Amino acid sequence: MILDRPAGYWGSQTAAPVFRQLMERLVVVLEVPPDNIRLALQASGAQPFGRN
């Protein structure tokens, strides 16, 4: 994920796809639950990002 040769003129055209790839990987690595599960856990008083 290196931006040696940007494809577009605007930074957002180049950075957005790289940011998306990074976030998709981080969600898996950090075990971020989907919104519906996360909100249900928060409503029940649990901490969805707590580690055991």
N, C-alpha and C. Protein backbone atom coordinates (compact mmCIF):
# COMPACT_ATOMS: atom_id res chain seq x y z
N MET A 1 0.82 -1.18 0.00
CA MET A 1 0.00 0.00 0.00
C MET A 1 0.88 1.25 0.00
N ILE A 2 1.55 1.45 -1.07
CA ILE A 2 2.42 2.61 -1.21
C ILE A 2 1.89 3.46 -2.36
N LEU A 3 1.92 4.75 -2.16
CA LEU A 3 1.41 5.66 -3.19
C LEU A 3 2.57 6.29 -3.94
N ASP A 4 3.35 5.47 -4.62
CA ASP A 4 4.49 5.97 -5.39
C ASP A 4 4.04 6.75 -6.62
N ARG A 5 3.04 6.23 -7.29
CA ARG A 5 2.57 6.85 -8.52
C ARG A 5 1.06 7.03 -8.46
N PRO A 6 0.62 8.18 -7.94
CA PRO A 6 -0.82 8.41 -7.84
C PRO A 6 -1.51 8.31 -9.19
N ALA A 7 -2.69 7.71 -9.18
CA ALA A 7 -3.42 7.53 -10.43
C ALA A 7 -4.21 8.77 -10.83
N GLY A 8 -4.68 9.53 -9.85
CA GLY A 8 -5.51 10.68 -10.16
C GLY A 8 -4.86 11.98 -9.73
N TYR A 9 -5.50 13.05 -10.09
CA TYR A 9 -5.01 14.38 -9.76
C TYR A 9 -5.26 14.71 -8.29
N TRP A 10 -6.46 14.36 -7.80
CA TRP A 10 -6.85 14.69 -6.44
C TRP A 10 -6.35 13.62 -5.48
N GLY A 11 -5.92 14.05 -4.32
CA GLY A 11 -5.43 13.13 -3.30
C GLY A 11 -6.47 12.12 -2.87
N SER A 12 -7.73 12.56 -2.82
CA SER A 12 -8.79 11.65 -2.39
C SER A 12 -8.99 10.49 -3.37
N GLN A 13 -8.76 10.72 -4.64
CA GLN A 13 -8.89 9.65 -5.64
C GLN A 13 -7.84 8.57 -5.42
N THR A 14 -6.70 8.96 -4.94
CA THR A 14 -5.62 8.01 -4.71
C THR A 14 -5.68 7.41 -3.32
N ALA A 15 -5.94 8.24 -2.32
CA ALA A 15 -5.88 7.77 -0.93
C ALA A 15 -7.10 6.96 -0.51
N ALA A 16 -8.27 7.26 -1.04
CA ALA A 16 -9.49 6.58 -0.59
C ALA A 16 -9.44 5.07 -0.80
N PRO A 17 -9.03 4.55 -1.95
CA PRO A 17 -8.97 3.08 -2.09
C PRO A 17 -7.96 2.44 -1.14
N VAL A 18 -6.85 3.10 -0.89
CA VAL A 18 -5.85 2.56 0.04
C VAL A 18 -6.41 2.57 1.46
N PHE A 19 -7.08 3.65 1.84
CA PHE A 19 -7.70 3.74 3.15
C PHE A 19 -8.75 2.64 3.33
N ARG A 20 -9.53 2.39 2.30
CA ARG A 20 -10.55 1.34 2.36
C ARG A 20 -9.91 -0.03 2.60
N GLN A 21 -8.86 -0.34 1.87
CA GLN A 21 -8.18 -1.63 2.05
C GLN A 21 -7.63 -1.76 3.47
N LEU A 22 -7.05 -0.70 3.97
CA LEU A 22 -6.51 -0.71 5.33
C LEU A 22 -7.60 -0.94 6.36
N MET A 23 -8.71 -0.22 6.23
CA MET A 23 -9.81 -0.37 7.19
C MET A 23 -10.44 -1.76 7.13
N GLU A 24 -10.58 -2.32 5.92
CA GLU A 24 -11.14 -3.66 5.79
C GLU A 24 -10.27 -4.68 6.52
N ARG A 25 -8.98 -4.51 6.47
CA ARG A 25 -8.07 -5.44 7.16
C ARG A 25 -8.08 -5.20 8.67
N LEU A 26 -8.13 -3.94 9.09
CA LEU A 26 -8.13 -3.64 10.52
C LEU A 26 -9.39 -4.13 11.22
N VAL A 27 -10.53 -4.05 10.54
CA VAL A 27 -11.78 -4.54 11.13
C VAL A 27 -11.66 -6.02 11.45
N VAL A 28 -11.01 -6.77 10.60
CA VAL A 28 -10.83 -8.20 10.84
C VAL A 28 -9.82 -8.44 11.96
N VAL A 29 -8.69 -7.77 11.88
CA VAL A 29 -7.62 -7.98 12.86
C VAL A 29 -8.08 -7.56 14.26
N LEU A 30 -8.77 -6.43 14.36
CA LEU A 30 -9.22 -5.92 15.66
C LEU A 30 -10.53 -6.54 16.12
N GLU A 31 -11.10 -7.42 15.30
CA GLU A 31 -12.34 -8.13 15.62
C GLU A 31 -13.46 -7.16 15.98
N VAL A 32 -13.67 -6.16 15.15
CA VAL A 32 -14.74 -5.18 15.35
C VAL A 32 -16.05 -5.84 14.94
N PRO A 33 -17.02 -5.90 15.88
CA PRO A 33 -18.29 -6.54 15.54
C PRO A 33 -19.13 -5.67 14.61
N PRO A 34 -20.03 -6.29 13.84
CA PRO A 34 -20.94 -5.52 12.99
C PRO A 34 -21.79 -4.57 13.85
N ASP A 35 -22.32 -3.53 13.23
CA ASP A 35 -23.09 -2.52 13.96
C ASP A 35 -24.25 -3.11 14.74
N ASN A 36 -25.00 -4.03 14.14
CA ASN A 36 -26.18 -4.55 14.84
C ASN A 36 -25.77 -5.30 16.13
N ILE A 37 -24.70 -6.04 16.09
CA ILE A 37 -24.22 -6.75 17.28
C ILE A 37 -23.63 -5.77 18.28
N ARG A 38 -22.84 -4.83 17.79
CA ARG A 38 -22.22 -3.83 18.66
C ARG A 38 -23.26 -3.01 19.40
N LEU A 39 -24.30 -2.56 18.69
CA LEU A 39 -25.36 -1.76 19.32
C LEU A 39 -26.16 -2.58 20.33
N ALA A 40 -26.41 -3.85 20.03
CA ALA A 40 -27.13 -4.71 20.97
C ALA A 40 -26.30 -4.93 22.23
N LEU A 41 -25.01 -5.11 22.07
CA LEU A 41 -24.14 -5.27 23.24
C LEU A 41 -24.11 -4.01 24.08
N GLN A 42 -24.03 -2.86 23.43
CA GLN A 42 -24.03 -1.59 24.17
C GLN A 42 -25.34 -1.39 24.91
N ALA A 43 -26.45 -1.74 24.29
CA ALA A 43 -27.77 -1.58 24.91
C ALA A 43 -27.91 -2.47 26.14
N SER A 44 -27.25 -3.63 26.13
CA SER A 44 -27.34 -4.53 27.27
C SER A 44 -26.32 -4.20 28.36
N GLY A 45 -25.51 -3.19 28.12
CA GLY A 45 -24.53 -2.78 29.13
C GLY A 45 -23.16 -3.40 28.95
N ALA A 46 -23.01 -4.24 27.97
CA ALA A 46 -21.71 -4.87 27.72
C ALA A 46 -20.80 -3.91 26.98
N GLN A 47 -19.53 -4.24 26.96
CA GLN A 47 -18.56 -3.44 26.22
C GLN A 47 -18.12 -4.22 24.98
N PRO A 48 -18.60 -3.82 23.82
CA PRO A 48 -18.33 -4.59 22.60
C PRO A 48 -16.86 -4.66 22.20
N PHE A 49 -16.05 -3.73 22.69
CA PHE A 49 -14.64 -3.73 22.33
C PHE A 49 -13.76 -4.23 23.46
N GLY A 50 -14.37 -4.73 24.52
CA GLY A 50 -13.60 -5.27 25.64
C GLY A 50 -12.93 -6.58 25.27
N ARG A 51 -11.77 -6.76 25.78
CA ARG A 51 -11.03 -8.02 25.52
C ARG A 51 -11.13 -8.92 26.73
N ASN A 52 -11.17 -10.22 26.51
CA ASN A 52 -11.22 -11.19 27.61
C ASN A 52 -9.83 -11.55 28.04
